[in-house]
Amino acid sequence: MKTKLLVFTAGLLLSLNAFALSLQDAKSQGLVGEQANGYLGIVINEPQANSVAKEVNAKRKAHYEKIAKKNGITVSEVAKLAAKKAMKATKRGQYIKDSSGKWIKK
């Protein structure tokens, strides 16, 4: 019985990962976009977009904190620098949030 339960659980986890949306897929589908605060924003509010944004933003925050600590600057400063790079690297047709807070296609 335990073996069947373990196999079922492993299969369920693998199948959930197979349906997980990647960051690039979410950007290409116009679900998420880059913001001036260095974090990913949700363009279309739906569960997969929220999941991708939450996961990516948590990783970004942890990374920003490491860089800030290493360089003796604030997390906000690191995030703003990262935002500039992310917006510049955003592909044509994907979304960025302008200074007025409106999503625009690059």
PDB file of N, CA and C in Angstrom:
ATOM      1  N   MET A   1       0.825  -1.198   0.000  1.00  0.00           N
ATOM      2  CA  MET A   1       0.000   0.000   0.000  1.00  0.00           C
ATOM      3  C   MET A   1       0.865   1.257   0.000  1.00  0.00           C
ATOM      4  N   LYS A   2       1.946   1.240   0.834  1.00  0.00           N
ATOM      5  CA  LYS A   2       2.827   2.409   0.898  1.00  0.00           C
ATOM      6  C   LYS A   2       3.507   2.643  -0.441  1.00  0.00           C
ATOM      7  N   THR A   3       3.893   1.566  -1.117  1.00  0.00           N
ATOM      8  CA  THR A   3       4.553   1.696  -2.411  1.00  0.00           C
ATOM      9  C   THR A   3       3.622   2.349  -3.423  1.00  0.00           C
ATOM     10  N   LYS A   4       2.364   1.927  -3.445  1.00  0.00           N
ATOM     11  CA  LYS A   4       1.396   2.516  -4.374  1.00  0.00           C
ATOM     12  C   LYS A   4       1.203   4.001  -4.087  1.00  0.00           C
ATOM     13  N   LEU A   5       1.146   4.338  -2.816  1.00  0.00           N
ATOM     14  CA  LEU A   5       0.966   5.737  -2.426  1.00  0.00           C
ATOM     15  C   LEU A   5       2.182   6.572  -2.841  1.00  0.00           C
ATOM     16  N   LEU A   6       3.384   6.030  -2.652  1.00  0.00           N
ATOM     17  CA  LEU A   6       4.598   6.742  -3.056  1.00  0.00           C
ATOM     18  C   LEU A   6       4.653   6.925  -4.571  1.00  0.00           C
ATOM     19  N   VAL A   7       4.291   5.896  -5.311  1.00  0.00           N
ATOM     20  CA  VAL A   7       4.291   5.978  -6.768  1.00  0.00           C
ATOM     21  C   VAL A   7       3.261   7.007  -7.232  1.00  0.00           C
ATOM     22  N   PHE A   8       2.091   6.971  -6.627  1.00  0.00           N
ATOM     23  CA  PHE A   8       1.047   7.932  -6.977  1.00  0.00           C
ATOM     24  C   PHE A   8       1.501   9.365  -6.686  1.00  0.00           C
ATOM     25  N   THR A   9       2.096   9.592  -5.507  1.00  0.00           N
ATOM     26  CA  THR A   9       2.558  10.923  -5.126  1.00  0.00           C
ATOM     27  C   THR A   9       3.665  11.409  -6.052  1.00  0.00           C
ATOM     28  N   ALA A  10       4.622  10.539  -6.357  1.00  0.00           N
ATOM     29  CA  ALA A  10       5.710  10.925  -7.264  1.00  0.00           C
ATOM     30  C   ALA A  10       5.160  11.257  -8.646  1.00  0.00           C
ATOM     31  N   GLY A  11       4.219  10.464  -9.123  1.00  0.00           N
ATOM     32  CA  GLY A  11       3.604  10.723 -10.427  1.00  0.00           C
ATOM     33  C   GLY A  11       2.855  12.031 -10.444  1.00  0.00           C
ATOM     34  N   LEU A  12       2.153  12.322  -9.349  1.00  0.00           N
ATOM     35  CA  LEU A  12       1.418  13.580  -9.254  1.00  0.00           C
ATOM     36  C   LEU A  12       2.368  14.768  -9.275  1.00  0.00           C
ATOM     37  N   LEU A  13       3.456  14.673  -8.514  1.00  0.00           N
ATOM     38  CA  LEU A  13       4.428  15.767  -8.491  1.00  0.00           C
ATOM     39  C   LEU A  13       5.063  15.973  -9.861  1.00  0.00           C
ATOM     40  N   LEU A  14       5.399  14.894 -10.529  1.00  0.00           N
ATOM     41  CA  LEU A  14       5.997  15.011 -11.863  1.00  0.00           C
ATOM     42  C   LEU A  14       5.017  15.607 -12.851  1.00  0.00           C
ATOM     43  N   SER A  15       3.759  15.219 -12.763  1.00  0.00           N
ATOM     44  CA  SER A  15       2.773  15.756 -13.700  1.00  0.00           C
ATOM     45  C   SER A  15       2.518  17.236 -13.436  1.00  0.00           C
ATOM     46  N   LEU A  16       2.563  17.669 -12.176  1.00  0.00           N
ATOM     47  CA  LEU A  16       2.373  19.090 -11.877  1.00  0.00           C
ATOM     48  C   LEU A  16       3.527  19.906 -12.440  1.00  0.00           C
ATOM     49  N   ASN A  17       4.748  19.375 -12.324  1.00  0.00           N
ATOM     50  CA  ASN A  17       5.900  20.086 -12.878  1.00  0.00           C
ATOM     51  C   ASN A  17       5.806  20.193 -14.389  1.00  0.00           C
ATOM     52  N   ALA A  18       5.242  19.158 -15.028  1.00  0.00           N
ATOM     53  CA  ALA A  18       5.124  19.168 -16.483  1.00  0.00           C
ATOM     54  C   ALA A  18       4.206  20.288 -16.947  1.00  0.00           C
ATOM     55  N   PHE A  19       3.229  20.676 -16.102  1.00  0.00           N
ATOM     56  CA  PHE A  19       2.302  21.726 -16.478  1.00  0.00           C
ATOM     57  C   PHE A  19       2.721  23.102 -15.982  1.00  0.00           C
ATOM     58  N   ALA A  20       3.790  23.161 -15.205  1.00  0.00           N
ATOM     59  CA  ALA A  20       4.236  24.444 -14.688  1.00  0.00           C
ATOM     60  C   ALA A  20       4.697  25.331 -15.838  1.00  0.00           C
ATOM     61  N   LEU A  21       4.332  26.562 -15.753  1.00  0.00           N
ATOM     62  CA  LEU A  21       4.654  27.537 -16.784  1.00  0.00           C
ATOM     63  C   LEU A  21       6.015  28.146 -16.487  1.00  0.00           C
ATOM     64  N   SER A  22       6.872  28.236 -17.498  1.00  0.00           N
ATOM     65  CA  SER A  22       8.178  28.858 -17.284  1.00  0.00           C
ATOM     66  C   SER A  22       8.039  30.375 -17.352  1.00  0.00           C
ATOM     67  N   LEU A  23       9.059  31.057 -16.863  1.00  0.00           N
ATOM     68  CA  LEU A  23       9.057  32.521 -16.907  1.00  0.00           C
ATOM     69  C   LEU A  23       8.964  33.002 -18.345  1.00  0.00           C
ATOM     70  N   GLN A  24       9.768  32.421 -19.223  1.00  0.00           N
ATOM     71  CA  GLN A  24       9.752  32.864 -20.621  1.00  0.00           C
ATOM     72  C   GLN A  24       8.417  32.588 -21.289  1.00  0.00           C
ATOM     73  N   ASP A  25       7.806  31.454 -20.964  1.00  0.00           N
ATOM     74  CA  ASP A  25       6.480  31.156 -21.508  1.00  0.00           C
ATOM     75  C   ASP A  25       5.464  32.191 -21.020  1.00  0.00           C
ATOM     76  N   ALA A  26       5.529  32.513 -19.737  1.00  0.00           N
ATOM     77  CA  ALA A  26       4.591  33.484 -19.157  1.00  0.00           C
ATOM     78  C   ALA A  26       4.775  34.863 -19.783  1.00  0.00           C
ATOM     79  N   LYS A  27       6.041  35.237 -20.034  1.00  0.00           N
ATOM     80  CA  LYS A  27       6.308  36.523 -20.686  1.00  0.00           C
ATOM     81  C   LYS A  27       5.819  36.497 -22.131  1.00  0.00           C
ATOM     82  N   SER A  28       6.108  35.416 -22.827  1.00  0.00           N
ATOM     83  CA  SER A  28       5.713  35.308 -24.233  1.00  0.00           C
ATOM     84  C   SER A  28       4.193  35.317 -24.402  1.00  0.00           C
ATOM     85  N   GLN A  29       3.487  34.781 -23.420  1.00  0.00           N
ATOM     86  CA  GLN A  29       2.029  34.743 -23.475  1.00  0.00           C
ATOM     87  C   GLN A  29       1.399  36.041 -22.962  1.00  0.00           C
ATOM     88  N   GLY A  30       2.233  36.979 -22.525  1.00  0.00           N
ATOM     89  CA  GLY A  30       1.722  38.261 -22.053  1.00  0.00           C
ATOM     90  C   GLY A  30       1.067  38.212 -20.692  1.00  0.00           C
ATOM     91  N   LEU A  31       1.424  37.202 -19.910  1.00  0.00           N
ATOM     92  CA  LEU A  31       0.819  37.054 -18.584  1.00  0.00           C
ATOM     93  C   LEU A  31       1.539  37.879 -17.532  1.00  0.00           C
ATOM     94  N   VAL A  32       2.849  38.039 -17.687  1.00  0.00           N
ATOM     95  CA  VAL A  32       3.666  38.774 -16.718  1.00  0.00           C
ATOM     96  C   VAL A  32       4.587  39.730 -17.461  1.00  0.00           C
ATOM     97  N   GLY A  33       5.116  40.710 -16.738  1.00  0.00           N
ATOM     98  CA  GLY A  33       6.034  41.660 -17.340  1.00  0.00           C
ATOM     99  C   GLY A  33       6.980  42.237 -16.302  1.00  0.00           C
ATOM    100  N   GLU A  34       7.956  42.980 -16.796  1.00  0.00           N
ATOM    101  CA  GLU A  34       8.964  43.567 -15.917  1.00  0.00           C
ATOM    102  C   GLU A  34       8.500  44.934 -15.394  1.00  0.00           C
ATOM    103  N   GLN A  35       8.859  45.202 -14.139  1.00  0.00           N
ATOM    104  CA  GLN A  35       8.498  46.464 -13.496  1.00  0.00           C
ATOM    105  C   GLN A  35       9.758  47.224 -13.078  1.00  0.00           C
ATOM    106  N   ALA A  36       9.639  48.513 -12.858  1.00  0.00           N
ATOM    107  CA  ALA A  36      10.757  49.369 -12.483  1.00  0.00           C
ATOM    108  C   ALA A  36      11.282  49.081 -11.076  1.00  0.00           C
ATOM    109  N   ASN A  37      10.544  48.289 -10.308  1.00  0.00           N
ATOM    110  CA  ASN A  37      10.996  47.968  -8.944  1.00  0.00           C
ATOM    111  C   ASN A  37      11.869  46.719  -8.900  1.00  0.00           C
ATOM    112  N   GLY A  38      12.145  46.133 -10.072  1.00  0.00           N
ATOM    113  CA  GLY A  38      13.008  44.966 -10.131  1.00  0.00           C
ATOM    114  C   GLY A  38      12.295  43.639  -9.968  1.00  0.00           C
ATOM    115  N   TYR A  39      10.996  43.701  -9.870  1.00  0.00           N
ATOM    116  CA  TYR A  39      10.231  42.476  -9.681  1.00  0.00           C
ATOM    117  C   TYR A  39       9.266  42.270 -10.843  1.00  0.00           C
ATOM    118  N   LEU A  40       8.879  41.035 -11.004  1.00  0.00           N
ATOM    119  CA  LEU A  40       7.948  40.657 -12.049  1.00  0.00           C
ATOM    120  C   LEU A  40       6.544  41.069 -11.638  1.00  0.00           C
ATOM    121  N   GLY A  41       5.791  41.620 -12.576  1.00  0.00           N
ATOM    122  CA  GLY A  41       4.410  41.996 -12.303  1.00  0.00           C
ATOM    123  C   GLY A  41       3.446  41.139 -13.094  1.00  0.00           C
ATOM    124  N   ILE A  42       2.211  41.119 -12.659  1.00  0.00           N
ATOM    125  CA  ILE A  42       1.184  40.303 -13.303  1.00  0.00           C
ATOM    126  C   ILE A  42       0.382  41.181 -14.256  1.00  0.00           C
ATOM    127  N   VAL A  43       0.444  40.853 -15.537  1.00  0.00           N
ATOM    128  CA  VAL A  43      -0.295  41.603 -16.554  1.00  0.00           C
ATOM    129  C   VAL A  43      -1.727  41.079 -16.624  1.00  0.00           C
ATOM    130  N   ILE A  44      -1.864  39.769 -16.674  1.00  0.00           N
ATOM    131  CA  ILE A  44      -3.184  39.126 -16.700  1.00  0.00           C
ATOM    132  C   ILE A  44      -3.301  38.280 -15.441  1.00  0.00           C
ATOM    133  N   ASN A  45      -4.262  38.633 -14.617  1.00  0.00           N
ATOM    134  CA  ASN A  45      -4.417  37.954 -13.339  1.00  0.00           C
ATOM    135  C   ASN A  45      -5.054  36.584 -13.529  1.00  0.00           C
ATOM    136  N   GLU A  46      -4.215  35.573 -13.487  1.00  0.00           N
ATOM    137  CA  GLU A  46      -4.684  34.189 -13.558  1.00  0.00           C
ATOM    138  C   GLU A  46      -3.708  33.334 -12.768  1.00  0.00           C
ATOM    139  N   PRO A  47      -4.134  32.152 -12.331  1.00  0.00           N
ATOM    140  CA  PRO A  47      -3.346  31.353 -11.381  1.00  0.00           C
ATOM    141  C   PRO A  47      -1.909  31.069 -11.808  1.00  0.00           C
ATOM    142  N   GLN A  48      -1.667  30.695 -13.053  1.00  0.00           N
ATOM    143  CA  GLN A  48      -0.302  30.360 -13.462  1.00  0.00           C
ATOM    144  C   GLN A  48       0.584  31.608 -13.464  1.00  0.00           C
ATOM    145  N   ALA A  49       0.047  32.740 -13.866  1.00  0.00           N
ATOM    146  CA  ALA A  49       0.821  33.986 -13.843  1.00  0.00           C
ATOM    147  C   ALA A  49       1.188  34.335 -12.404  1.00  0.00           C
ATOM    148  N   ASN A  50       0.225  34.195 -11.515  1.00  0.00           N
ATOM    149  CA  ASN A  50       0.486  34.474 -10.099  1.00  0.00           C
ATOM    150  C   ASN A  50       1.555  33.541  -9.542  1.00  0.00           C
ATOM    151  N   SER A  51       1.497  32.279  -9.915  1.00  0.00           N
ATOM    152  CA  SER A  51       2.462  31.298  -9.429  1.00  0.00           C
ATOM    153  C   SER A  51       3.868  31.611  -9.931  1.00  0.00           C
ATOM    154  N   VAL A  52       3.987  31.909 -11.214  1.00  0.00           N
ATOM    155  CA  VAL A  52       5.298  32.239 -11.782  1.00  0.00           C
ATOM    156  C   VAL A  52       5.847  33.502 -11.132  1.00  0.00           C
ATOM    157  N   ALA A  53       5.036  34.536 -11.022  1.00  0.00           N
ATOM    158  CA  ALA A  53       5.499  35.793 -10.434  1.00  0.00           C
ATOM    159  C   ALA A  53       5.935  35.601  -8.983  1.00  0.00           C
ATOM    160  N   LYS A  54       5.173  34.849  -8.233  1.00  0.00           N
ATOM    161  CA  LYS A  54       5.503  34.622  -6.823  1.00  0.00           C
ATOM    162  C   LYS A  54       6.845  33.900  -6.688  1.00  0.00           C
ATOM    163  N   GLU A  55       7.029  32.861  -7.485  1.00  0.00           N
ATOM    164  CA  GLU A  55       8.263  32.078  -7.428  1.00  0.00           C
ATOM    165  C   GLU A  55       9.467  32.911  -7.886  1.00  0.00           C
ATOM    166  N   VAL A  56       9.329  33.583  -9.015  1.00  0.00           N
ATOM    167  CA  VAL A  56      10.441  34.380  -9.558  1.00  0.00           C
ATOM    168  C   VAL A  56      10.786  35.523  -8.617  1.00  0.00           C
ATOM    169  N   ASN A  57       9.776  36.204  -8.095  1.00  0.00           N
ATOM    170  CA  ASN A  57      10.040  37.343  -7.212  1.00  0.00           C
ATOM    171  C   ASN A  57      10.711  36.922  -5.898  1.00  0.00           C
ATOM    172  N   ALA A  58      10.362  35.760  -5.399  1.00  0.00           N
ATOM    173  CA  ALA A  58      11.023  35.266  -4.179  1.00  0.00           C
ATOM    174  C   ALA A  58      12.506  35.001  -4.448  1.00  0.00           C
ATOM    175  N   LYS A  59      12.789  34.405  -5.604  1.00  0.00           N
ATOM    176  CA  LYS A  59      14.190  34.140  -5.963  1.00  0.00           C
ATOM    177  C   LYS A  59      14.941  35.445  -6.200  1.00  0.00           C
ATOM    178  N   ARG A  60      14.280  36.387  -6.874  1.00  0.00           N
ATOM    179  CA  ARG A  60      14.935  37.675  -7.119  1.00  0.00           C
ATOM    180  C   ARG A  60      15.239  38.377  -5.803  1.00  0.00           C
ATOM    181  N   LYS A  61      14.287  38.397  -4.898  1.00  0.00           N
ATOM    182  CA  LYS A  61      14.492  39.084  -3.620  1.00  0.00           C
ATOM    183  C   LYS A  61      15.681  38.495  -2.869  1.00  0.00           C
ATOM    184  N   ALA A  62      15.762  37.178  -2.848  1.00  0.00           N
ATOM    185  CA  ALA A  62      16.890  36.518  -2.164  1.00  0.00           C
ATOM    186  C   ALA A  62      18.216  36.891  -2.834  1.00  0.00           C
ATOM    187  N   HIS A  63      18.206  36.921  -4.146  1.00  0.00           N
ATOM    188  CA  HIS A  63      19.423  37.274  -4.888  1.00  0.00           C
ATOM    189  C   HIS A  63      19.796  38.744  -4.653  1.00  0.00           C
ATOM    190  N   TYR A  64      18.811  39.622  -4.689  1.00  0.00           N
ATOM    191  CA  TYR A  64      19.064  41.050  -4.443  1.00  0.00           C
ATOM    192  C   TYR A  64      19.640  41.264  -3.052  1.00  0.00           C
ATOM    193  N   GLU A  65      19.120  40.536  -2.074  1.00  0.00           N
ATOM    194  CA  GLU A  65      19.605  40.674  -0.694  1.00  0.00           C
ATOM    195  C   GLU A  65      21.074  40.268  -0.579  1.00  0.00           C
ATOM    196  N   LYS A  66      21.438  39.197  -1.275  1.00  0.00           N
ATOM    197  CA  LYS A  66      22.845  38.762  -1.247  1.00  0.00           C
ATOM    198  C   LYS A  66      23.753  39.823  -1.865  1.00  0.00           C
ATOM    199  N   ILE A  67      23.351  40.345  -3.003  1.00  0.00           N
ATOM    200  CA  ILE A  67      24.165  41.356  -3.692  1.00  0.00           C
ATOM    201  C   ILE A  67      24.267  42.622  -2.844  1.00  0.00           C
ATOM    202  N   ALA A  68      23.160  43.035  -2.261  1.00  0.00           N
ATOM    203  CA  ALA A  68      23.141  44.249  -1.434  1.00  0.00           C
ATOM    204  C   ALA A  68      24.078  44.100  -0.239  1.00  0.00           C
ATOM    205  N   LYS A  69      24.006  42.971   0.412  1.00  0.00           N
ATOM    206  CA  LYS A  69      24.855  42.721   1.586  1.00  0.00           C
ATOM    207  C   LYS A  69      26.330  42.708   1.187  1.00  0.00           C
ATOM    208  N   LYS A  70      26.625  42.061   0.085  1.00  0.00           N
ATOM    209  CA  LYS A  70      28.009  41.942  -0.391  1.00  0.00           C
ATOM    210  C   LYS A  70      28.603  43.294  -0.750  1.00  0.00           C
ATOM    211  N   ASN A  71      27.765  44.197  -1.281  1.00  0.00           N
ATOM    212  CA  ASN A  71      28.251  45.488  -1.769  1.00  0.00           C
ATOM    213  C   ASN A  71      27.934  46.669  -0.857  1.00  0.00           C
ATOM    214  N   GLY A  72      27.287  46.416   0.259  1.00  0.00           N
ATOM    215  CA  GLY A  72      26.986  47.473   1.214  1.00  0.00           C
ATOM    216  C   GLY A  72      25.993  48.513   0.686  1.00  0.00           C
ATOM    217  N   ILE A  73      25.046  48.065  -0.101  1.00  0.00           N
ATOM    218  CA  ILE A  73      23.997  48.962  -0.600  1.00  0.00           C
ATOM    219  C   ILE A  73      22.635  48.372  -0.231  1.00  0.00           C
ATOM    220  N   THR A  74      21.588  49.123  -0.501  1.00  0.00           N
ATOM    221  CA  THR A  74      20.261  48.642  -0.118  1.00  0.00           C
ATOM    222  C   THR A  74      19.714  47.660  -1.151  1.00  0.00           C
ATOM    223  N   VAL A  75      18.782  46.867  -0.714  1.00  0.00           N
ATOM    224  CA  VAL A  75      18.104  45.918  -1.602  1.00  0.00           C
ATOM    225  C   VAL A  75      17.366  46.681  -2.697  1.00  0.00           C
ATOM    226  N   SER A  76      16.809  47.818  -2.326  1.00  0.00           N
ATOM    227  CA  SER A  76      16.078  48.645  -3.296  1.00  0.00           C
ATOM    228  C   SER A  76      16.994  49.143  -4.411  1.00  0.00           C
ATOM    229  N   GLU A  77      18.206  49.522  -4.045  1.00  0.00           N
ATOM    230  CA  GLU A  77      19.169  49.977  -5.063  1.00  0.00           C
ATOM    231  C   GLU A  77      19.514  48.847  -6.026  1.00  0.00           C
ATOM    232  N   VAL A  78      19.730  47.676  -5.480  1.00  0.00           N
ATOM    233  CA  VAL A  78      20.029  46.509  -6.323  1.00  0.00           C
ATOM    234  C   VAL A  78      18.843  46.211  -7.232  1.00  0.00           C
ATOM    235  N   ALA A  79      17.656  46.255  -6.678  1.00  0.00           N
ATOM    236  CA  ALA A  79      16.449  45.950  -7.452  1.00  0.00           C
ATOM    237  C   ALA A  79      16.258  46.939  -8.606  1.00  0.00           C
ATOM    238  N   LYS A  80      16.529  48.212  -8.344  1.00  0.00           N
ATOM    239  CA  LYS A  80      16.381  49.215  -9.406  1.00  0.00           C
ATOM    240  C   LYS A  80      17.387  48.985 -10.534  1.00  0.00           C
ATOM    241  N   LEU A  81      18.618  48.626 -10.170  1.00  0.00           N
ATOM    242  CA  LEU A  81      19.624  48.317 -11.197  1.00  0.00           C
ATOM    243  C   LEU A  81      19.211  47.084 -12.000  1.00  0.00           C
ATOM    244  N   ALA A  82      18.714  46.093 -11.293  1.00  0.00           N
ATOM    245  CA  ALA A  82      18.272  44.865 -11.962  1.00  0.00           C
ATOM    246  C   ALA A  82      17.084  45.147 -12.877  1.00  0.00           C
ATOM    247  N   ALA A  83      16.219  46.048 -12.450  1.00  0.00           N
ATOM    248  CA  ALA A  83      15.047  46.395 -13.261  1.00  0.00           C
ATOM    249  C   ALA A  83      15.470  46.992 -14.599  1.00  0.00           C
ATOM    250  N   LYS A  84      16.462  47.872 -14.549  1.00  0.00           N
ATOM    251  CA  LYS A  84      16.937  48.472 -15.801  1.00  0.00           C
ATOM    252  C   LYS A  84      17.445  47.406 -16.761  1.00  0.00           C
ATOM    253  N   LYS A  85      18.211  46.463 -16.222  1.00  0.00           N
ATOM    254  CA  LYS A  85      18.737  45.385 -17.069  1.00  0.00           C
ATOM    255  C   LYS A  85      17.610  44.496 -17.580  1.00  0.00           C
ATOM    256  N   ALA A  86      16.673  44.171 -16.713  1.00  0.00           N
ATOM    257  CA  ALA A  86      15.565  43.283 -17.111  1.00  0.00           C
ATOM    258  C   ALA A  86      14.698  43.933 -18.178  1.00  0.00           C
ATOM    259  N   MET A  87      14.441  45.236 -18.014  1.00  0.00           N
ATOM    260  CA  MET A  87      13.614  45.933 -19.009  1.00  0.00           C
ATOM    261  C   MET A  87      14.341  46.022 -20.347  1.00  0.00           C
ATOM    262  N   LYS A  88      15.645  46.254 -20.286  1.00  0.00           N
ATOM    263  CA  LYS A  88      16.426  46.323 -21.514  1.00  0.00           C
ATOM    264  C   LYS A  88      16.455  44.965 -22.207  1.00  0.00           C
ATOM    265  N   ALA A  89      16.499  43.906 -21.427  1.00  0.00           N
ATOM    266  CA  ALA A  89      16.576  42.548 -21.982  1.00  0.00           C
ATOM    267  C   ALA A  89      15.208  42.000 -22.399  1.00  0.00           C
ATOM    268  N   THR A  90      14.158  42.690 -22.035  1.00  0.00           N
ATOM    269  CA  THR A  90      12.819  42.218 -22.402  1.00  0.00           C
ATOM    270  C   THR A  90      12.672  42.207 -23.917  1.00  0.00           C
ATOM    271  N   LYS A  91      12.173  41.109 -24.415  1.00  0.00           N
ATOM    272  CA  LYS A  91      12.035  40.950 -25.862  1.00  0.00           C
ATOM    273  C   LYS A  91      10.873  41.770 -26.408  1.00  0.00           C
ATOM    274  N   ARG A  92      11.002  42.106 -27.654  1.00  0.00           N
ATOM    275  CA  ARG A  92       9.958  42.855 -28.358  1.00  0.00           C
ATOM    276  C   ARG A  92       8.638  42.078 -28.288  1.00  0.00           C
ATOM    277  N   GLY A  93       7.571  42.796 -27.971  1.00  0.00           N
ATOM    278  CA  GLY A  93       6.257  42.169 -27.873  1.00  0.00           C
ATOM    279  C   GLY A  93       5.897  41.725 -26.469  1.00  0.00           C
ATOM    280  N   GLN A  94       6.885  41.753 -25.563  1.00  0.00           N
ATOM    281  CA  GLN A  94       6.607  41.404 -24.175  1.00  0.00           C
ATOM    282  C   GLN A  94       6.345  42.687 -23.387  1.00  0.00           C
ATOM    283  N   TYR A  95       5.782  42.527 -22.200  1.00  0.00           N
ATOM    284  CA  TYR A  95       5.314  43.692 -21.440  1.00  0.00           C
ATOM    285  C   TYR A  95       6.336  44.239 -20.442  1.00  0.00           C
ATOM    286  N   ILE A  96       6.336  45.574 -20.356  1.00  0.00           N
ATOM    287  CA  ILE A  96       7.034  46.282 -19.289  1.00  0.00           C
ATOM    288  C   ILE A  96       6.052  47.322 -18.745  1.00  0.00           C
ATOM    289  N   LYS A  97       6.220  47.666 -17.485  1.00  0.00           N
ATOM    290  CA  LYS A  97       5.330  48.663 -16.873  1.00  0.00           C
ATOM    291  C   LYS A  97       6.009  50.017 -16.956  1.00  0.00           C
ATOM    292  N   ASP A  98       5.318  51.008 -17.541  1.00  0.00           N
ATOM    293  CA  ASP A  98       5.913  52.337 -17.691  1.00  0.00           C
ATOM    294  C   ASP A  98       5.826  53.121 -16.384  1.00  0.00           C
ATOM    295  N   SER A  99       6.386  54.314 -16.381  1.00  0.00           N
ATOM    296  CA  SER A  99       6.447  55.116 -15.148  1.00  0.00           C
ATOM    297  C   SER A  99       5.071  55.529 -14.633  1.00  0.00           C
ATOM    298  N   SER A 100       4.047  55.489 -15.488  1.00  0.00           N
ATOM    299  CA  SER A 100       2.693  55.830 -15.028  1.00  0.00           C
ATOM    300  C   SER A 100       1.958  54.610 -14.462  1.00  0.00           C
ATOM    301  N   GLY A 101       2.624  53.431 -14.527  1.00  0.00           N
ATOM    302  CA  GLY A 101       2.010  52.225 -13.985  1.00  0.00           C
ATOM    303  C   GLY A 101       1.198  51.446 -15.001  1.00  0.00           C
ATOM    304  N   LYS A 102       1.329  51.813 -16.257  1.00  0.00           N
ATOM    305  CA  LYS A 102       0.563  51.155 -17.312  1.00  0.00           C
ATOM    306  C   LYS A 102       1.437  50.108 -18.005  1.00  0.00           C
ATOM    307  N   TRP A 103       0.859  48.949 -18.277  1.00  0.00           N
ATOM    308  CA  TRP A 103       1.579  47.908 -19.015  1.00  0.00           C
ATOM    309  C   TRP A 103       1.615  48.273 -20.484  1.00  0.00           C
ATOM    310  N   ILE A 104       2.819  48.232 -21.064  1.00  0.00           N
ATOM    311  CA  ILE A 104       2.969  48.496 -22.497  1.00  0.00           C
ATOM    312  C   ILE A 104       3.806  47.385 -23.118  1.00  0.00           C
ATOM    313  N   LYS A 105       3.547  47.108 -24.382  1.00  0.00           N
ATOM    314  CA  LYS A 105       4.364  46.137 -25.100  1.00  0.00           C
ATOM    315  C   LYS A 105       5.622  46.821 -25.575  1.00  0.00           C
ATOM    316  N   LYS A 106       6.737  46.168 -25.372  1.00  0.00           N
ATOM    317  CA  LYS A 106       8.013  46.730 -25.797  1.00  0.00           C
ATOM    318  C   LYS A 106       8.154  46.596 -27.302  1.00  0.00           C
TER     319      LYS A 106
END
